[in-house]
Amino acid sequence: MLNLIAASAFFVLIHLMISGTRARDGLVARLGQGPYLGAFSLLTVIGLVWLVFAYGQARGSPENEPYWSVGEASRQVQMVVQLLAVMLIVIGLSTRNPTSVRQEGALERPDVVRGILRVTRHPFLWGVALWALGHLVINGDRASLILFGSLLILAVTGTASIDAKRKRALGPAWDGFAAQTSNIPFAAIVAGRQRLIWREIGVWRILAGVAVYLALVLGHPHFTGVPALAG
């Protein structure tokens, strides 16, 4: 279990203490944008691999005590939550977004705020947050609490971290974009600053999201050893 705690701490801290902070700004100034991104990407991959192996080890540990269990109805709700999570992730990754790595130039487009960005300027991270929350609720054991709890915290705090980073780097251009959008999903729409236009999202993105979701459901027992919908 200590190995999983260490892996989770490593993965969270390299993001909270480096990416999105002024420490990142200093490293970019010293190393250059390309070398910094390469080094940070390597650390991220190392962290992810460490997390996967540490979690697999911790799941079978005698220390992995269950804190709660859920019924079949909760598992059915989880399937819907995961569909929404995957849709946000896929649509977010396939949409040009100034909050994404090396896509700051999207701010130059007059129609940059469209599609899923009308809902939230951080669709990928909110998708990850939903994914982690759903798994955290369903898997009430100590190892899952550490893993999915860490990823949930990282995803939610990551949205604010990226906003701060972009504001420092882009100034007024970012302020205009932020004023038209919202971090919290649907907040800009509720406030009347935006409206949801489904056709801007694109049918192909929605279909791609559904395809990825089905592939994950079918493949779940093969790469985790547990069916996506147990029982």
Foldseek 3Di string as FASTA:
>chain_A
DVLLLVLLCQLLCCCVVANLDVNVVVVCVVPNDVVSVVVSVVSNVVSVVSNVVVLVVVVPDPQWAFDDADDLVLLVVLLVLLLQLLLLQLLVVPQQACLDPPSVVLLVDPPNCAAQQQFASQSNLVSLLSNLVSQCVHGRIPSSCSRSVSSNVSSLVSLVSSLSSCCVVPPPSSVVSPVLGDHHTCPNVVVVSGDHDNPRSPPVSSVVSVVVSVVCQVCVCVVPVAHSRHD
